[in-house]
C-alpha atoms as a PDB file:
ATOM      1  CA  UNK A   1     -36.167-111.548 263.088  1.00  0.00           C
ATOM      2  CA  UNK A   2     -34.996-110.651 259.573  1.00  0.00           C
ATOM      3  CA  UNK A   3     -33.916-113.194 256.980  1.00  0.00           C
ATOM      4  CA  UNK A   4     -30.204-112.414 257.343  1.00  0.00           C
ATOM      5  CA  UNK A   5     -30.425-112.694 261.135  1.00  0.00           C
ATOM      6  CA  UNK A   6     -32.288-115.974 260.729  1.00  0.00           C
ATOM      7  CA  UNK A   7     -29.608-117.366 258.398  1.00  0.00           C
ATOM      8  CA  UNK A   8     -26.799-116.272 260.740  1.00  0.00           C
ATOM      9  CA  UNK A   9     -28.646-117.818 263.684  1.00  0.00           C
ATOM     10  CA  UNK A  10     -29.075-121.136 261.867  1.00  0.00           C
ATOM     11  CA  UNK A  11     -25.389-121.144 260.925  1.00  0.00           C
ATOM     12  CA  UNK A  12     -24.558-120.719 264.629  1.00  0.00           C
ATOM     13  CA  UNK A  13     -27.129-123.372 265.690  1.00  0.00           C
ATOM     14  CA  UNK A  14     -29.147-120.921 267.801  1.00  0.00           C
ATOM     15  CA  UNK A  15     -32.403-122.465 269.001  1.00  0.00           C
ATOM     16  CA  UNK A  16     -34.156-119.099 268.706  1.00  0.00           C
ATOM     17  CA  UNK A  17     -33.406-119.189 264.977  1.00  0.00           C
ATOM     18  CA  UNK A  18     -34.876-122.689 264.686  1.00  0.00           C
ATOM     19  CA  UNK A  19     -38.019-121.569 266.527  1.00  0.00           C
ATOM     20  CA  UNK A  20     -38.323-118.561 264.202  1.00  0.00           C
ATOM     21  CA  UNK A  21     -37.778-120.755 261.138  1.00  0.00           C
ATOM     22  CA  UNK A  22     -40.580-123.081 262.225  1.00  0.00           C
ATOM     23  CA  UNK A  23     -42.865-120.184 263.128  1.00  0.00           C
ATOM     24  CA  UNK A  24     -42.225-118.390 259.859  1.00  0.00           C
ATOM     25  CA  UNK A  25     -42.223-121.319 257.419  1.00  0.00           C
ATOM     26  CA  UNK A  26     -44.290-124.160 258.913  1.00  0.00           C
ATOM     27  CA  UNK A  27     -47.372-123.392 256.808  1.00  0.00           C
ATOM     28  CA  UNK A  28     -45.277-123.008 253.675  1.00  0.00           C
ATOM     29  CA  UNK A  29     -43.417-126.286 254.235  1.00  0.00           C
ATOM     30  CA  UNK A  30     -46.642-128.106 255.112  1.00  0.00           C
ATOM     31  CA  UNK A  31     -48.227-126.906 251.855  1.00  0.00           C
ATOM     32  CA  UNK A  32     -45.288-128.178 249.788  1.00  0.00           C
ATOM     33  CA  UNK A  33     -45.117-131.561 251.533  1.00  0.00           C
ATOM     34  CA  UNK A  34     -48.890-132.001 251.540  1.00  0.00           C
ATOM     35  CA  UNK A  35     -49.015-131.166 247.830  1.00  0.00           C
ATOM     36  CA  UNK A  36     -46.614-134.014 247.098  1.00  0.00           C
ATOM     37  CA  UNK A  37     -47.710-136.579 249.676  1.00  0.00           C
ATOM     38  CA  UNK A  38     -51.327-135.595 250.368  1.00  0.00           C
ATOM     39  CA  UNK A  39     -52.850-138.334 248.275  1.00  0.00           C
ATOM     40  CA  UNK A  40     -50.732-141.130 249.712  1.00  0.00           C
ATOM     41  CA  UNK A  41     -50.003-140.315 253.364  1.00  0.00           C
ATOM     42  CA  UNK A  42     -52.019-139.513 256.470  1.00  0.00           C
ATOM     43  CA  UNK A  43     -51.849-136.034 257.995  1.00  0.00           C
ATOM     44  CA  UNK A  44     -49.724-137.251 260.916  1.00  0.00           C
ATOM     45  CA  UNK A  45     -47.177-138.731 258.512  1.00  0.00           C
ATOM     46  CA  UNK A  46     -47.080-135.499 256.523  1.00  0.00           C
ATOM     47  CA  UNK A  47     -46.476-133.564 259.748  1.00  0.00           C
ATOM     48  CA  UNK A  48     -43.592-135.918 260.534  1.00  0.00           C
ATOM     49  CA  UNK A  49     -42.010-135.171 257.146  1.00  0.00           C
ATOM     50  CA  UNK A  50     -42.480-131.439 257.834  1.00  0.00           C
ATOM     51  CA  UNK A  51     -40.638-131.862 261.142  1.00  0.00           C
ATOM     52  CA  UNK A  52     -37.888-133.765 259.343  1.00  0.00           C
ATOM     53  CA  UNK A  53     -37.534-130.854 256.903  1.00  0.00           C
ATOM     54  CA  UNK A  54     -36.888-128.393 259.726  1.00  0.00           C
ATOM     55  CA  UNK A  55     -34.448-130.810 261.332  1.00  0.00           C
ATOM     56  CA  UNK A  56     -32.582-131.159 258.022  1.00  0.00           C
ATOM     57  CA  UNK A  57     -32.378-127.382 257.554  1.00  0.00           C
ATOM     58  CA  UNK A  58     -31.165-127.044 261.156  1.00  0.00           C
ATOM     59  CA  UNK A  59     -28.531-129.753 260.726  1.00  0.00           C
ATOM     60  CA  UNK A  60     -27.241-128.234 257.488  1.00  0.00           C
ATOM     61  CA  UNK A  61     -27.206-124.701 258.869  1.00  0.00           C
ATOM     62  CA  UNK A  62     -23.431-124.303 258.548  1.00  0.00           C
ATOM     63  CA  UNK A  63     -23.770-124.730 254.784  1.00  0.00           C
ATOM     64  CA  UNK A  64     -26.109-121.764 254.410  1.00  0.00           C
ATOM     65  CA  UNK A  65     -24.657-118.738 252.689  1.00  0.00           C
ATOM     66  CA  UNK A  66     -25.223-115.335 254.210  1.00  0.00           C
ATOM     67  CA  UNK A  67     -25.293-114.071 250.631  1.00  0.00           C
ATOM     68  CA  UNK A  68     -28.834-115.481 250.336  1.00  0.00           C
ATOM     69  CA  UNK A  69     -31.397-112.691 250.506  1.00  0.00           C
ATOM     70  CA  UNK A  70     -33.881-115.182 251.905  1.00  0.00           C
ATOM     71  CA  UNK A  71     -33.827-118.765 253.115  1.00  0.00           C
ATOM     72  CA  UNK A  72     -37.217-119.518 251.537  1.00  0.00           C
ATOM     73  CA  UNK A  73     -35.907-121.217 248.333  1.00  0.00           C
ATOM     74  CA  UNK A  74     -33.563-123.404 250.388  1.00  0.00           C
ATOM     75  CA  UNK A  75     -36.395-124.435 252.712  1.00  0.00           C
ATOM     76  CA  UNK A  76     -38.670-125.109 249.721  1.00  0.00           C
ATOM     77  CA  UNK A  77     -36.051-127.238 247.953  1.00  0.00           C
ATOM     78  CA  UNK A  78     -35.407-129.214 251.136  1.00  0.00           C
ATOM     79  CA  UNK A  79     -39.143-129.797 251.605  1.00  0.00           C
ATOM     80  CA  UNK A  80     -39.650-130.880 247.984  1.00  0.00           C
ATOM     81  CA  UNK A  81     -36.651-133.207 248.024  1.00  0.00           C
ATOM     82  CA  UNK A  82     -37.592-134.846 251.320  1.00  0.00           C
ATOM     83  CA  UNK A  83     -41.207-135.297 250.230  1.00  0.00           C
ATOM     84  CA  UNK A  84     -40.095-136.778 246.910  1.00  0.00           C
ATOM     85  CA  UNK A  85     -37.712-139.136 248.705  1.00  0.00           C
ATOM     86  CA  UNK A  86     -40.562-140.266 250.963  1.00  0.00           C
ATOM     87  CA  UNK A  87     -42.770-140.744 247.902  1.00  0.00           C
ATOM     88  CA  UNK A  88     -40.056-142.879 246.276  1.00  0.00           C
ATOM     89  CA  UNK A  89     -39.965-145.049 249.404  1.00  0.00           C
ATOM     90  CA  UNK A  90     -43.720-145.567 249.144  1.00  0.00           C
ATOM     91  CA  UNK A  91     -43.797-146.470 245.455  1.00  0.00           C
ATOM     92  CA  UNK A  92     -42.966-150.115 244.694  1.00  0.00           C
ATOM     93  CA  UNK A  93     -40.556-149.362 241.850  1.00  0.00           C
ATOM     94  CA  UNK A  94     -38.955-146.395 243.629  1.00  0.00           C
ATOM     95  CA  UNK A  95     -39.434-144.149 240.592  1.00  0.00           C
ATOM     96  CA  UNK A  96     -41.260-140.875 240.169  1.00  0.00           C
ATOM     97  CA  UNK A  97     -42.919-139.675 236.962  1.00  0.00           C
ATOM     98  CA  UNK A  98     -40.708-136.695 236.303  1.00  0.00           C
ATOM     99  CA  UNK A  99     -37.460-136.405 234.426  1.00  0.00           C
ATOM    100  CA  UNK A 100     -34.389-136.826 236.596  1.00  0.00           C
ATOM    101  CA  UNK A 101     -32.005-133.930 236.158  1.00  0.00           C
ATOM    102  CA  UNK A 102     -28.341-134.840 236.142  1.00  0.00           C
ATOM    103  CA  UNK A 103     -26.115-133.466 238.903  1.00  0.00           C
ATOM    104  CA  UNK A 104     -24.408-130.895 236.716  1.00  0.00           C
ATOM    105  CA  UNK A 105     -27.729-129.435 235.616  1.00  0.00           C
ATOM    106  CA  UNK A 106     -28.984-129.479 239.206  1.00  0.00           C
ATOM    107  CA  UNK A 107     -25.987-127.412 240.313  1.00  0.00           C
ATOM    108  CA  UNK A 108     -26.739-124.895 237.566  1.00  0.00           C
ATOM    109  CA  UNK A 109     -30.347-124.647 238.728  1.00  0.00           C
ATOM    110  CA  UNK A 110     -29.120-123.686 242.187  1.00  0.00           C
ATOM    111  CA  UNK A 111     -27.523-120.591 240.717  1.00  0.00           C
ATOM    112  CA  UNK A 112     -29.606-117.520 241.484  1.00  0.00           C
ATOM    113  CA  UNK A 113     -29.161-116.136 237.995  1.00  0.00           C
ATOM    114  CA  UNK A 114     -30.475-119.306 236.381  1.00  0.00           C
ATOM    115  CA  UNK A 115     -33.471-119.313 238.697  1.00  0.00           C
ATOM    116  CA  UNK A 116     -34.238-115.761 237.636  1.00  0.00           C
ATOM    117  CA  UNK A 117     -34.015-116.742 233.968  1.00  0.00           C
ATOM    118  CA  UNK A 118     -36.322-119.694 234.614  1.00  0.00           C
ATOM    119  CA  UNK A 119     -38.850-117.481 236.394  1.00  0.00           C
ATOM    120  CA  UNK A 120     -38.800-115.056 233.480  1.00  0.00           C
ATOM    121  CA  UNK A 121     -39.244-117.953 231.045  1.00  0.00           C
ATOM    122  CA  UNK A 122     -42.141-119.340 233.068  1.00  0.00           C
ATOM    123  CA  UNK A 123     -43.757-115.898 233.031  1.00  0.00           C
ATOM    124  CA  UNK A 124     -43.669-116.049 229.217  1.00  0.00           C
ATOM    125  CA  UNK A 125     -45.680-119.293 229.198  1.00  0.00           C
ATOM    126  CA  UNK A 126     -49.420-119.413 228.775  1.00  0.00           C
ATOM    127  CA  UNK A 127     -51.251-119.679 232.133  1.00  0.00           C
ATOM    128  CA  UNK A 128     -52.322-123.286 231.462  1.00  0.00           C
ATOM    129  CA  UNK A 129     -48.733-124.315 230.663  1.00  0.00           C
ATOM    130  CA  UNK A 130     -47.461-122.560 233.782  1.00  0.00           C
ATOM    131  CA  UNK A 131     -50.052-124.392 235.899  1.00  0.00           C
ATOM    132  CA  UNK A 132     -49.150-127.765 234.353  1.00  0.00           C
ATOM    133  CA  UNK A 133     -45.452-127.144 235.014  1.00  0.00           C
ATOM    134  CA  UNK A 134     -46.078-126.121 238.626  1.00  0.00           C
ATOM    135  CA  UNK A 135     -48.278-129.132 239.291  1.00  0.00           C
ATOM    136  CA  UNK A 136     -45.831-131.563 237.678  1.00  0.00           C
ATOM    137  CA  UNK A 137     -42.451-130.258 238.825  1.00  0.00           C
ATOM    138  CA  UNK A 138     -43.267-128.604 242.141  1.00  0.00           C
ATOM    139  CA  UNK A 139     -46.190-130.641 243.414  1.00  0.00           C
ATOM    140  CA  UNK A 140     -45.035-133.906 241.775  1.00  0.00           C
ATOM    141  CA  UNK A 141     -48.463-134.645 240.359  1.00  0.00           C
ATOM    142  CA  UNK A 142     -48.694-137.274 237.647  1.00  0.00           C
ATOM    143  CA  UNK A 143     -50.016-136.376 234.210  1.00  0.00           C
ATOM    144  CA  UNK A 144     -53.185-138.294 235.066  1.00  0.00           C
ATOM    145  CA  UNK A 145     -53.682-136.259 238.265  1.00  0.00           C
ATOM    146  CA  UNK A 146     -53.064-133.001 236.415  1.00  0.00           C
ATOM    147  CA  UNK A 147     -55.430-133.999 233.622  1.00  0.00           C
ATOM    148  CA  UNK A 148     -58.179-134.799 236.102  1.00  0.00           C
ATOM    149  CA  UNK A 149     -57.608-131.565 238.036  1.00  0.00           C
ATOM    150  CA  UNK A 150     -57.742-129.262 235.008  1.00  0.00           C
ATOM    151  CA  UNK A 151     -60.086-131.368 232.858  1.00  0.00           C
ATOM    152  CA  UNK A 152     -57.519-132.207 230.189  1.00  0.00           C
ATOM    153  CA  UNK A 153     -56.551-135.451 228.494  1.00  0.00           C
ATOM    154  CA  UNK A 154     -53.308-136.875 230.009  1.00  0.00           C
ATOM    155  CA  UNK A 155     -51.773-137.057 226.514  1.00  0.00           C
ATOM    156  CA  UNK A 156     -52.427-133.356 226.067  1.00  0.00           C
ATOM    157  CA  UNK A 157     -50.823-132.684 229.453  1.00  0.00           C
ATOM    158  CA  UNK A 158     -47.716-134.594 228.292  1.00  0.00           C
ATOM    159  CA  UNK A 159     -47.636-132.556 225.082  1.00  0.00           C
ATOM    160  CA  UNK A 160     -47.778-129.331 227.109  1.00  0.00           C
ATOM    161  CA  UNK A 161     -44.890-130.556 229.287  1.00  0.00           C
ATOM    162  CA  UNK A 162     -42.757-131.470 226.269  1.00  0.00           C
ATOM    163  CA  UNK A 163     -43.422-128.138 224.560  1.00  0.00           C
ATOM    164  CA  UNK A 164     -42.747-126.257 227.788  1.00  0.00           C
ATOM    165  CA  UNK A 165     -39.436-128.033 228.354  1.00  0.00           C
ATOM    166  CA  UNK A 166     -38.384-127.205 224.799  1.00  0.00           C
ATOM    167  CA  UNK A 167     -39.327-123.569 225.312  1.00  0.00           C
ATOM    168  CA  UNK A 168     -37.345-123.397 228.568  1.00  0.00           C
ATOM    169  CA  UNK A 169     -34.381-125.153 226.981  1.00  0.00           C
ATOM    170  CA  UNK A 170     -34.360-122.679 224.087  1.00  0.00           C
ATOM    171  CA  UNK A 171     -34.485-119.674 226.398  1.00  0.00           C
ATOM    172  CA  UNK A 172     -31.708-121.067 228.599  1.00  0.00           C
ATOM    173  CA  UNK A 173     -29.534-121.870 225.580  1.00  0.00           C
ATOM    174  CA  UNK A 174     -30.081-118.362 224.178  1.00  0.00           C
ATOM    175  CA  UNK A 175     -28.807-116.944 227.457  1.00  0.00           C
ATOM    176  CA  UNK A 176     -25.724-119.165 227.444  1.00  0.00           C
ATOM    177  CA  UNK A 177     -26.764-121.951 229.811  1.00  0.00           C
ATOM    178  CA  UNK A 178     -26.121-125.518 228.725  1.00  0.00           C
ATOM    179  CA  UNK A 179     -26.257-128.898 230.372  1.00  0.00           C
END
């Protein structure tokens, strides 16, 4: 089943499309959720969050646009958001260690063109900066966890994140994107 057929099937609530979605993306979703929750939740709990991700995608199927070339980014965003929400529930203060993006900026990030610009900007980063960004913003690792994983002082990790955000902000501003 092709991506467009899968999207149309999900929009029409076809169970065959849900089965295909699970078959095609279960490993991918598990990797995302496990990357965020692996250190704090048991495997069974992670699998439950993965199931919840597929249920959420299924329930929001009508909102999917057939203009999407692939459903993968939507599935990934749903997985990351649900895992982060679960992580917030587990942390006593309910906060995560990454900057919260305001709603207007979040809507801009959903734009395909902006995503492409961001990918190009990330490609311009040094490999270590790219890895730090991926670990922090996609896997929700703390600066301490990143520092331990790549053998770097947490303060240095923070400096890399600050410099990387500035670099991304400059590139986005040059291309006409603002908050």
